[in-house]
Amino acid sequence: MNALTLPDIASQNARQTVPLEWVGMCGIALPVVINGQRLAATADAGVSLDDGDARGIHMSRLYLALEVLDSQALNPLLLKKILQQFLDSHDDLSICAYLKIHTQLLLKRPALVSALSGWKSYPVSIEASLKNGMFHVELKIDVDYSSTCPCSAALARQLIQQQFVDDFANKPLHHAEVLTWLGSTQGIVATPHSQRSTAHLQLHLGRELQSFPINNIIDEAETALGTAVQTAVKRADEQAFALANGQNLMFCEDAARRLNVVLKSTAGIKGFNLKVVHAESLHSHDAVAESRWNWRNA
């Protein structure tokens, strides 16, 4: 008995002749290798369906093309090869190919003072496209940091000054008494509010890059911001962090400007769109600032 030919419904003509901009799969589970780390990731893979008469694409061909990510380090050249394979396997249907990869990069970070260290997770997305022969790749990274409000700090200092006047007006000052006052809640009657904040970085990378400079970008961003969130800490580290916050007051506008300056000078970045979000502890809403440079023109 001859084996039956399996039906290929996707090869049938469409009932309506309408091209589609994107057809594919989202949330494909797969491993990727970034900076020597093997990470769990998800991928969105698709192509345009430019032949309006075709009913569908060959999704299994996209899926199989992603298998190389299991064994080879993720880099721009590899992404371009995968996208070209998407198109080669749909040469009669598509002229554009797309791939998005979402993962969490783990970096070990030292404490500020003690010998402790711990792991921090950084959400990372890589978006690549190959359209009419033009390769485009973007990198998205989220970086958490702490921000202390300059206005709140000034208001707290004023209240402390007023309390000092109330407690020591027309009295002789004694070093030990003032020192005790400074270490008490009676003296330090107010503290500024701070918040966990996030910088959302969307970066257009140069086509000539041989690898993704993720670690360098994160390091540059955290240095510019000055108060990256910590992992494992002892009391000495927490005190050092409090000192860093006190010496690093910033509005969301300040944070956006710092990142603008440092990203413009970071190798491999041809343009960016950044957004900083300060999750207010004073308000139920957030303070947000955005900045762009050479965006969509790079």
C-alpha atoms as a PDB file:
ATOM      1  CA  MET A   1       0.000   0.000   0.000  1.00  0.00           C
ATOM      2  CA  ASN A   2       1.443   3.333  -1.046  1.00  0.00           C
ATOM      3  CA  ALA A   3       1.953   5.966   1.636  1.00  0.00           C
ATOM      4  CA  LEU A   4      -0.542   8.765   1.390  1.00  0.00           C
ATOM      5  CA  THR A   5       0.729  12.239   0.546  1.00  0.00           C
ATOM      6  CA  LEU A   6       0.069  14.503   3.479  1.00  0.00           C
ATOM      7  CA  PRO A   7      -2.112  17.480   2.585  1.00  0.00           C
ATOM      8  CA  ASP A   8      -0.463  20.920   2.423  1.00  0.00           C
ATOM      9  CA  ILE A   9      -3.324  23.315   3.095  1.00  0.00           C
ATOM     10  CA  ALA A  10      -0.978  26.341   3.379  1.00  0.00           C
ATOM     11  CA  SER A  11      -0.015  25.950  -0.286  1.00  0.00           C
ATOM     12  CA  GLN A  12      -3.575  26.505  -1.428  1.00  0.00           C
ATOM     13  CA  ASN A  13      -4.607  29.873  -2.799  1.00  0.00           C
ATOM     14  CA  ALA A  14      -6.030  32.406  -0.383  1.00  0.00           C
ATOM     15  CA  ARG A  15      -9.723  33.125  -0.538  1.00  0.00           C
ATOM     16  CA  GLN A  16      -8.928  36.827  -0.614  1.00  0.00           C
ATOM     17  CA  THR A  17      -5.880  38.292  -2.367  1.00  0.00           C
ATOM     18  CA  VAL A  18      -4.427  40.371   0.504  1.00  0.00           C
ATOM     19  CA  PRO A  19      -0.682  40.614   1.314  1.00  0.00           C
ATOM     20  CA  LEU A  20       0.227  40.612   5.028  1.00  0.00           C
ATOM     21  CA  GLU A  21       3.003  42.607   6.706  1.00  0.00           C
ATOM     22  CA  TRP A  22       3.937  39.994   9.334  1.00  0.00           C
ATOM     23  CA  VAL A  23       3.161  36.314   9.772  1.00  0.00           C
ATOM     24  CA  GLY A  24       4.935  33.968  12.140  1.00  0.00           C
ATOM     25  CA  MET A  25       5.166  32.774  15.752  1.00  0.00           C
ATOM     26  CA  CYS A  26       5.547  34.533  19.100  1.00  0.00           C
ATOM     27  CA  GLY A  27       6.875  33.208  22.388  1.00  0.00           C
ATOM     28  CA  ILE A  28       9.042  30.399  21.000  1.00  0.00           C
ATOM     29  CA  ALA A  29      11.011  28.885  23.918  1.00  0.00           C
ATOM     30  CA  LEU A  30      14.690  28.367  23.182  1.00  0.00           C
ATOM     31  CA  PRO A  31      18.169  28.783  24.711  1.00  0.00           C
ATOM     32  CA  VAL A  32      20.616  31.476  23.616  1.00  0.00           C
ATOM     33  CA  VAL A  33      24.284  32.051  24.376  1.00  0.00           C
ATOM     34  CA  ILE A  34      25.245  35.635  25.287  1.00  0.00           C
ATOM     35  CA  ASN A  35      28.692  36.563  26.621  1.00  0.00           C
ATOM     36  CA  GLY A  36      29.375  32.922  27.418  1.00  0.00           C
ATOM     37  CA  GLN A  37      26.113  32.479  29.335  1.00  0.00           C
ATOM     38  CA  ARG A  38      23.514  29.976  28.254  1.00  0.00           C
ATOM     39  CA  LEU A  39      20.190  31.665  28.948  1.00  0.00           C
ATOM     40  CA  ALA A  40      16.532  30.764  28.652  1.00  0.00           C
ATOM     41  CA  ALA A  41      14.830  32.979  26.082  1.00  0.00           C
ATOM     42  CA  THR A  42      11.746  33.401  23.949  1.00  0.00           C
ATOM     43  CA  ALA A  43      11.680  34.424  20.316  1.00  0.00           C
ATOM     44  CA  ASP A  44       9.193  36.037  17.959  1.00  0.00           C
ATOM     45  CA  ALA A  45       9.925  34.996  14.381  1.00  0.00           C
ATOM     46  CA  GLY A  46       8.111  36.076  11.251  1.00  0.00           C
ATOM     47  CA  VAL A  47       8.202  37.123   7.623  1.00  0.00           C
ATOM     48  CA  SER A  48       6.046  39.269   5.397  1.00  0.00           C
ATOM     49  CA  LEU A  49       3.541  37.490   3.191  1.00  0.00           C
ATOM     50  CA  ASP A  50       3.873  39.560   0.036  1.00  0.00           C
ATOM     51  CA  ASP A  51       2.248  37.023  -2.269  1.00  0.00           C
ATOM     52  CA  GLY A  52      -1.378  37.866  -1.603  1.00  0.00           C
ATOM     53  CA  ASP A  53      -2.520  34.749  -3.428  1.00  0.00           C
ATOM     54  CA  ALA A  54      -0.698  32.440  -0.990  1.00  0.00           C
ATOM     55  CA  ARG A  55      -2.782  31.246   1.927  1.00  0.00           C
ATOM     56  CA  GLY A  56       0.072  31.046   4.428  1.00  0.00           C
ATOM     57  CA  ILE A  57       3.781  30.692   5.141  1.00  0.00           C
ATOM     58  CA  HIS A  58       5.863  27.683   6.209  1.00  0.00           C
ATOM     59  CA  MET A  59       6.159  28.293   9.954  1.00  0.00           C
ATOM     60  CA  SER A  60       8.122  25.104  10.602  1.00  0.00           C
ATOM     61  CA  ARG A  61      10.925  26.465   8.390  1.00  0.00           C
ATOM     62  CA  LEU A  62      11.242  29.510  10.645  1.00  0.00           C
ATOM     63  CA  TYR A  63      11.260  27.307  13.734  1.00  0.00           C
ATOM     64  CA  LEU A  64      13.982  25.018  12.382  1.00  0.00           C
ATOM     65  CA  ALA A  65      16.161  27.979  11.376  1.00  0.00           C
ATOM     66  CA  LEU A  66      16.339  28.991  15.048  1.00  0.00           C
ATOM     67  CA  GLU A  67      18.031  25.734  16.098  1.00  0.00           C
ATOM     68  CA  VAL A  68      21.458  27.288  15.495  1.00  0.00           C
ATOM     69  CA  LEU A  69      20.912  29.592  18.497  1.00  0.00           C
ATOM     70  CA  ASP A  70      21.319  26.556  20.739  1.00  0.00           C
ATOM     71  CA  SER A  71      24.981  26.078  19.838  1.00  0.00           C
ATOM     72  CA  GLN A  72      26.373  29.405  18.583  1.00  0.00           C
ATOM     73  CA  ALA A  73      26.986  32.640  20.468  1.00  0.00           C
ATOM     74  CA  LEU A  74      24.405  35.297  19.698  1.00  0.00           C
ATOM     75  CA  ASN A  75      25.836  38.094  17.550  1.00  0.00           C
ATOM     76  CA  PRO A  76      24.631  40.394  14.748  1.00  0.00           C
ATOM     77  CA  LEU A  77      26.143  38.272  11.984  1.00  0.00           C
ATOM     78  CA  LEU A  78      24.358  35.147  13.224  1.00  0.00           C
ATOM     79  CA  LEU A  79      21.044  37.012  13.340  1.00  0.00           C
ATOM     80  CA  LYS A  80      21.522  38.228   9.797  1.00  0.00           C
ATOM     81  CA  LYS A  81      22.200  34.655   8.626  1.00  0.00           C
ATOM     82  CA  ILE A  82      19.033  33.415  10.339  1.00  0.00           C
ATOM     83  CA  LEU A  83      16.952  36.160   8.764  1.00  0.00           C
ATOM     84  CA  GLN A  84      18.407  35.370   5.353  1.00  0.00           C
ATOM     85  CA  GLN A  85      17.472  31.723   5.903  1.00  0.00           C
ATOM     86  CA  PHE A  86      13.922  32.852   6.700  1.00  0.00           C
ATOM     87  CA  LEU A  87      13.794  34.589   3.324  1.00  0.00           C
ATOM     88  CA  ASP A  88      15.547  31.834   1.382  1.00  0.00           C
ATOM     89  CA  SER A  89      12.976  29.340   2.650  1.00  0.00           C
ATOM     90  CA  HIS A  90      10.192  31.706   1.552  1.00  0.00           C
ATOM     91  CA  ASP A  91      11.769  33.095  -1.618  1.00  0.00           C
ATOM     92  CA  ASP A  92       8.486  32.964  -3.488  1.00  0.00           C
ATOM     93  CA  LEU A  93       6.433  34.513  -0.686  1.00  0.00           C
ATOM     94  CA  SER A  94       8.359  37.062   1.355  1.00  0.00           C
ATOM     95  CA  ILE A  95      10.760  39.987   1.053  1.00  0.00           C
ATOM     96  CA  CYS A  96      11.053  40.947   4.761  1.00  0.00           C
ATOM     97  CA  ALA A  97      12.127  38.877   7.766  1.00  0.00           C
ATOM     98  CA  TYR A  98      11.913  39.666  11.471  1.00  0.00           C
ATOM     99  CA  LEU A  99      13.273  38.195  14.690  1.00  0.00           C
ATOM    100  CA  LYS A 100      12.932  39.329  18.315  1.00  0.00           C
ATOM    101  CA  ILE A 101      14.691  37.599  21.203  1.00  0.00           C
ATOM    102  CA  HIS A 102      13.796  38.249  24.845  1.00  0.00           C
ATOM    103  CA  THR A 103      15.900  37.056  27.784  1.00  0.00           C
ATOM    104  CA  GLN A 104      17.289  37.969  31.212  1.00  0.00           C
ATOM    105  CA  LEU A 105      21.047  38.542  31.408  1.00  0.00           C
ATOM    106  CA  LEU A 106      22.661  37.714  34.766  1.00  0.00           C
ATOM    107  CA  LEU A 107      25.664  39.728  35.937  1.00  0.00           C
ATOM    108  CA  LYS A 108      27.481  39.273  39.244  1.00  0.00           C
ATOM    109  CA  ARG A 109      27.923  42.582  41.039  1.00  0.00           C
ATOM    110  CA  PRO A 110      30.156  43.339  44.041  1.00  0.00           C
ATOM    111  CA  ALA A 111      28.897  45.121  47.150  1.00  0.00           C
ATOM    112  CA  LEU A 112      30.020  48.716  47.704  1.00  0.00           C
ATOM    113  CA  VAL A 113      32.263  48.085  50.713  1.00  0.00           C
ATOM    114  CA  SER A 114      32.204  44.488  51.936  1.00  0.00           C
ATOM    115  CA  ALA A 115      33.482  41.396  50.139  1.00  0.00           C
ATOM    116  CA  LEU A 116      29.954  40.241  49.321  1.00  0.00           C
ATOM    117  CA  SER A 117      28.597  39.942  45.784  1.00  0.00           C
ATOM    118  CA  GLY A 118      25.375  38.819  44.167  1.00  0.00           C
ATOM    119  CA  TRP A 119      23.583  38.342  40.881  1.00  0.00           C
ATOM    120  CA  LYS A 120      21.514  41.013  39.137  1.00  0.00           C
ATOM    121  CA  SER A 121      19.060  40.318  36.356  1.00  0.00           C
ATOM    122  CA  TYR A 122      18.802  42.657  33.375  1.00  0.00           C
ATOM    123  CA  PRO A 123      15.893  42.263  30.926  1.00  0.00           C
ATOM    124  CA  VAL A 124      17.345  42.246  27.402  1.00  0.00           C
ATOM    125  CA  SER A 125      15.608  42.184  24.029  1.00  0.00           C
ATOM    126  CA  ILE A 126      17.225  42.045  20.609  1.00  0.00           C
ATOM    127  CA  GLU A 127      15.185  42.966  17.558  1.00  0.00           C
ATOM    128  CA  ALA A 128      16.509  42.334  14.062  1.00  0.00           C
ATOM    129  CA  SER A 129      15.031  42.706  10.602  1.00  0.00           C
ATOM    130  CA  LEU A 130      16.095  42.155   7.031  1.00  0.00           C
ATOM    131  CA  LYS A 131      14.036  44.251   4.634  1.00  0.00           C
ATOM    132  CA  ASN A 132      14.835  44.604   0.944  1.00  0.00           C
ATOM    133  CA  GLY A 133      18.442  43.677   1.671  1.00  0.00           C
ATOM    134  CA  MET A 134      18.830  46.169   4.555  1.00  0.00           C
ATOM    135  CA  PHE A 135      19.809  44.664   7.909  1.00  0.00           C
ATOM    136  CA  HIS A 136      18.694  46.499  11.066  1.00  0.00           C
ATOM    137  CA  VAL A 137      19.358  45.489  14.677  1.00  0.00           C
ATOM    138  CA  GLU A 138      18.202  47.078  17.937  1.00  0.00           C
ATOM    139  CA  LEU A 139      19.088  46.272  21.521  1.00  0.00           C
ATOM    140  CA  LYS A 140      16.773  46.953  24.477  1.00  0.00           C
ATOM    141  CA  ILE A 141      18.051  46.880  28.059  1.00  0.00           C
ATOM    142  CA  ASP A 142      16.404  47.781  31.366  1.00  0.00           C
ATOM    143  CA  VAL A 143      18.683  49.095  34.134  1.00  0.00           C
ATOM    144  CA  ASP A 144      17.423  49.608  37.700  1.00  0.00           C
ATOM    145  CA  TYR A 145      18.817  52.311  39.977  1.00  0.00           C
ATOM    146  CA  SER A 146      17.911  54.381  43.021  1.00  0.00           C
ATOM    147  CA  SER A 147      17.048  58.077  42.794  1.00  0.00           C
ATOM    148  CA  THR A 148      16.683  60.588  45.618  1.00  0.00           C
ATOM    149  CA  CYS A 149      14.571  63.672  44.937  1.00  0.00           C
ATOM    150  CA  PRO A 150      16.572  66.953  45.190  1.00  0.00           C
ATOM    151  CA  CYS A 151      13.469  68.912  46.203  1.00  0.00           C
ATOM    152  CA  SER A 152      12.608  66.464  48.964  1.00  0.00           C
ATOM    153  CA  ALA A 153      16.216  66.563  50.213  1.00  0.00           C
ATOM    154  CA  ALA A 154      16.168  70.373  50.391  1.00  0.00           C
ATOM    155  CA  LEU A 155      12.856  70.373  52.276  1.00  0.00           C
ATOM    156  CA  ALA A 156      14.181  67.770  54.741  1.00  0.00           C
ATOM    157  CA  ARG A 157      17.323  69.829  55.369  1.00  0.00           C
ATOM    158  CA  GLN A 158      15.189  72.914  56.063  1.00  0.00           C
ATOM    159  CA  LEU A 159      13.153  71.039  58.658  1.00  0.00           C
ATOM    160  CA  ILE A 160      16.345  69.793  60.324  1.00  0.00           C
ATOM    161  CA  GLN A 161      17.675  73.362  60.409  1.00  0.00           C
ATOM    162  CA  GLN A 162      14.436  74.585  61.971  1.00  0.00           C
ATOM    163  CA  GLN A 163      14.570  71.825  64.579  1.00  0.00           C
ATOM    164  CA  PHE A 164      18.148  72.802  65.393  1.00  0.00           C
ATOM    165  CA  VAL A 165      17.042  76.401  65.938  1.00  0.00           C
ATOM    166  CA  ASP A 166      14.161  75.262  68.131  1.00  0.00           C
ATOM    167  CA  ASP A 167      16.385  73.032  70.261  1.00  0.00           C
ATOM    168  CA  PHE A 168      19.523  75.195  70.544  1.00  0.00           C
ATOM    169  CA  ALA A 169      18.404  78.821  70.212  1.00  0.00           C
ATOM    170  CA  ASN A 170      20.035  81.025  72.838  1.00  0.00           C
ATOM    171  CA  LYS A 171      21.854  78.027  74.336  1.00  0.00           C
ATOM    172  CA  PRO A 172      25.581  77.373  74.518  1.00  0.00           C
ATOM    173  CA  LEU A 173      26.614  74.638  72.108  1.00  0.00           C
ATOM    174  CA  HIS A 174      28.392  71.602  73.503  1.00  0.00           C
ATOM    175  CA  HIS A 175      30.041  69.187  71.106  1.00  0.00           C
ATOM    176  CA  ALA A 176      28.778  66.023  72.803  1.00  0.00           C
ATOM    177  CA  GLU A 177      25.210  67.308  73.029  1.00  0.00           C
ATOM    178  CA  VAL A 178      25.116  68.342  69.356  1.00  0.00           C
ATOM    179  CA  LEU A 179      26.633  65.019  68.327  1.00  0.00           C
ATOM    180  CA  THR A 180      23.933  63.156  70.253  1.00  0.00           C
ATOM    181  CA  TRP A 181      21.279  65.381  68.684  1.00  0.00           C
ATOM    182  CA  LEU A 182      22.555  64.631  65.179  1.00  0.00           C
ATOM    183  CA  GLY A 183      22.268  60.897  65.843  1.00  0.00           C
ATOM    184  CA  SER A 184      18.697  61.030  67.121  1.00  0.00           C
ATOM    185  CA  THR A 185      15.267  61.217  65.547  1.00  0.00           C
ATOM    186  CA  GLN A 186      14.747  64.301  67.684  1.00  0.00           C
ATOM    187  CA  GLY A 187      17.356  66.069  65.555  1.00  0.00           C
ATOM    188  CA  ILE A 188      17.003  64.411  62.154  1.00  0.00           C
ATOM    189  CA  VAL A 189      13.273  64.961  62.006  1.00  0.00           C
ATOM    190  CA  ALA A 190      12.886  64.448  58.247  1.00  0.00           C
ATOM    191  CA  THR A 191      14.425  62.362  55.493  1.00  0.00           C
ATOM    192  CA  PRO A 192      14.158  62.847  51.707  1.00  0.00           C
ATOM    193  CA  HIS A 193      12.175  60.361  49.687  1.00  0.00           C
ATOM    194  CA  SER A 194      13.862  58.107  47.157  1.00  0.00           C
ATOM    195  CA  GLN A 195      12.553  55.519  44.764  1.00  0.00           C
ATOM    196  CA  ARG A 196      13.580  52.518  42.758  1.00  0.00           C
ATOM    197  CA  SER A 197      13.900  53.761  39.209  1.00  0.00           C
ATOM    198  CA  THR A 198      14.371  52.146  35.811  1.00  0.00           C
ATOM    199  CA  ALA A 199      16.132  53.252  32.652  1.00  0.00           C
ATOM    200  CA  HIS A 200      14.643  51.694  29.517  1.00  0.00           C
ATOM    201  CA  LEU A 201      17.293  51.836  26.796  1.00  0.00           C
ATOM    202  CA  GLN A 202      16.431  51.210  23.143  1.00  0.00           C
ATOM    203  CA  LEU A 203      19.600  51.300  21.062  1.00  0.00           C
ATOM    204  CA  HIS A 204      20.254  51.165  17.328  1.00  0.00           C
ATOM    205  CA  LEU A 205      23.516  49.295  16.837  1.00  0.00           C
ATOM    206  CA  GLY A 206      26.037  49.613  14.052  1.00  0.00           C
ATOM    207  CA  ARG A 207      25.895  46.914  11.393  1.00  0.00           C
ATOM    208  CA  GLU A 208      29.642  46.364  11.671  1.00  0.00           C
ATOM    209  CA  LEU A 209      29.517  45.029  15.251  1.00  0.00           C
ATOM    210  CA  GLN A 210      30.894  41.525  15.735  1.00  0.00           C
ATOM    211  CA  SER A 211      29.158  41.050  19.108  1.00  0.00           C
ATOM    212  CA  PHE A 212      26.574  42.678  21.324  1.00  0.00           C
ATOM    213  CA  PRO A 213      28.278  45.108  23.763  1.00  0.00           C
ATOM    214  CA  ILE A 214      25.636  44.496  26.438  1.00  0.00           C
ATOM    215  CA  ASN A 215      27.945  44.379  29.459  1.00  0.00           C
ATOM    216  CA  ASN A 216      29.742  47.557  28.441  1.00  0.00           C
ATOM    217  CA  ILE A 217      26.484  49.437  27.890  1.00  0.00           C
ATOM    218  CA  ILE A 218      25.147  48.369  31.293  1.00  0.00           C
ATOM    219  CA  ASP A 219      28.410  49.366  32.993  1.00  0.00           C
ATOM    220  CA  GLU A 220      28.416  52.776  31.299  1.00  0.00           C
ATOM    221  CA  ALA A 221      24.768  53.407  32.207  1.00  0.00           C
ATOM    222  CA  GLU A 222      25.196  52.409  35.847  1.00  0.00           C
ATOM    223  CA  THR A 223      28.317  54.538  36.199  1.00  0.00           C
ATOM    224  CA  ALA A 224      26.500  57.549  34.757  1.00  0.00           C
ATOM    225  CA  LEU A 225      23.542  57.078  37.082  1.00  0.00           C
ATOM    226  CA  GLY A 226      25.751  56.545  40.115  1.00  0.00           C
ATOM    227  CA  THR A 227      23.374  54.597  42.342  1.00  0.00           C
ATOM    228  CA  ALA A 228      22.661  51.221  40.784  1.00  0.00           C
ATOM    229  CA  VAL A 229      20.526  48.941  42.947  1.00  0.00           C
ATOM    230  CA  GLN A 230      22.507  46.465  45.032  1.00  0.00           C
ATOM    231  CA  THR A 231      22.428  42.703  45.608  1.00  0.00           C
ATOM    232  CA  ALA A 232      23.943  41.182  48.776  1.00  0.00           C
ATOM    233  CA  VAL A 233      24.807  43.833  51.378  1.00  0.00           C
ATOM    234  CA  LYS A 234      26.021  44.214  54.933  1.00  0.00           C
ATOM    235  CA  ARG A 235      25.250  47.242  57.078  1.00  0.00           C
ATOM    236  CA  ALA A 236      28.437  48.923  55.893  1.00  0.00           C
ATOM    237  CA  ASP A 237      27.265  48.527  52.283  1.00  0.00           C
ATOM    238  CA  GLU A 238      23.834  49.898  53.137  1.00  0.00           C
ATOM    239  CA  GLN A 239      25.444  52.901  54.798  1.00  0.00           C
ATOM    240  CA  ALA A 240      27.660  53.460  51.758  1.00  0.00           C
ATOM    241  CA  PHE A 241      24.572  53.270  49.561  1.00  0.00           C
ATOM    242  CA  ALA A 242      22.813  55.863  51.736  1.00  0.00           C
ATOM    243  CA  LEU A 243      25.857  58.113  51.352  1.00  0.00           C
ATOM    244  CA  ALA A 244      25.888  57.618  47.569  1.00  0.00           C
ATOM    245  CA  ASN A 245      22.208  58.543  47.345  1.00  0.00           C
ATOM    246  CA  GLY A 246      22.724  61.614  49.508  1.00  0.00           C
ATOM    247  CA  GLN A 247      25.538  62.811  47.263  1.00  0.00           C
ATOM    248  CA  ASN A 248      23.717  61.896  44.060  1.00  0.00           C
ATOM    249  CA  LEU A 249      20.399  63.740  44.128  1.00  0.00           C
ATOM    250  CA  MET A 250      18.583  63.667  40.801  1.00  0.00           C
ATOM    251  CA  PHE A 251      15.295  64.340  39.105  1.00  0.00           C
ATOM    252  CA  CYS A 252      14.223  62.123  36.220  1.00  0.00           C
ATOM    253  CA  GLU A 253      15.391  64.924  33.899  1.00  0.00           C
ATOM    254  CA  ASP A 254      18.891  64.675  35.371  1.00  0.00           C
ATOM    255  CA  ALA A 255      19.001  60.924  34.854  1.00  0.00           C
ATOM    256  CA  ALA A 256      17.851  61.206  31.224  1.00  0.00           C
ATOM    257  CA  ARG A 257      20.485  63.832  30.461  1.00  0.00           C
ATOM    258  CA  ARG A 258      23.272  61.772  32.040  1.00  0.00           C
ATOM    259  CA  LEU A 259      22.328  58.755  29.966  1.00  0.00           C
ATOM    260  CA  ASN A 260      22.031  60.855  26.814  1.00  0.00           C
ATOM    261  CA  VAL A 261      25.618  62.060  27.216  1.00  0.00           C
ATOM    262  CA  VAL A 262      27.148  58.665  27.971  1.00  0.00           C
ATOM    263  CA  LEU A 263      25.260  56.732  25.272  1.00  0.00           C
ATOM    264  CA  LYS A 264      26.320  59.190  22.572  1.00  0.00           C
ATOM    265  CA  SER A 265      29.948  58.376  23.361  1.00  0.00           C
ATOM    266  CA  THR A 266      29.526  54.594  23.715  1.00  0.00           C
ATOM    267  CA  ALA A 267      31.100  52.626  20.870  1.00  0.00           C
ATOM    268  CA  GLY A 268      28.720  50.777  18.576  1.00  0.00           C
ATOM    269  CA  ILE A 269      25.618  52.877  19.311  1.00  0.00           C
ATOM    270  CA  LYS A 270      24.337  54.753  16.262  1.00  0.00           C
ATOM    271  CA  GLY A 271      21.145  56.115  17.793  1.00  0.00           C
ATOM    272  CA  PHE A 272      18.905  55.638  20.799  1.00  0.00           C
ATOM    273  CA  ASN A 273      15.537  56.209  22.379  1.00  0.00           C
ATOM    274  CA  LEU A 274      15.684  56.198  26.180  1.00  0.00           C
ATOM    275  CA  LYS A 275      13.058  56.508  28.888  1.00  0.00           C
ATOM    276  CA  VAL A 276      13.646  56.824  32.625  1.00  0.00           C
ATOM    277  CA  VAL A 277      10.884  56.089  35.119  1.00  0.00           C
ATOM    278  CA  HIS A 278      11.104  57.189  38.748  1.00  0.00           C
ATOM    279  CA  ALA A 279       8.476  55.186  40.636  1.00  0.00           C
ATOM    280  CA  GLU A 280       7.501  57.930  43.061  1.00  0.00           C
ATOM    281  CA  SER A 281       7.176  57.172  46.771  1.00  0.00           C
ATOM    282  CA  LEU A 282       5.476  60.546  47.311  1.00  0.00           C
ATOM    283  CA  HIS A 283       2.852  60.164  44.560  1.00  0.00           C
ATOM    284  CA  SER A 284       0.868  57.268  43.182  1.00  0.00           C
ATOM    285  CA  HIS A 285       2.039  58.277  39.693  1.00  0.00           C
ATOM    286  CA  ASP A 286       5.541  58.101  38.218  1.00  0.00           C
ATOM    287  CA  ALA A 287       7.957  60.780  37.087  1.00  0.00           C
ATOM    288  CA  VAL A 288       9.163  60.103  33.535  1.00  0.00           C
ATOM    289  CA  ALA A 289      11.652  61.650  31.104  1.00  0.00           C
ATOM    290  CA  GLU A 290      12.577  60.607  27.569  1.00  0.00           C
ATOM    291  CA  SER A 291      15.447  61.453  25.252  1.00  0.00           C
ATOM    292  CA  ARG A 292      16.318  60.518  21.687  1.00  0.00           C
ATOM    293  CA  TRP A 293      19.369  60.885  19.496  1.00  0.00           C
ATOM    294  CA  ASN A 294      19.617  60.043  15.814  1.00  0.00           C
ATOM    295  CA  TRP A 295      16.602  57.787  16.275  1.00  0.00           C
ATOM    296  CA  ARG A 296      15.322  56.010  13.170  1.00  0.00           C
ATOM    297  CA  ASN A 297      17.888  57.894  11.126  1.00  0.00           C
ATOM    298  CA  ALA A 298      20.933  55.843  12.111  1.00  0.00           C
END
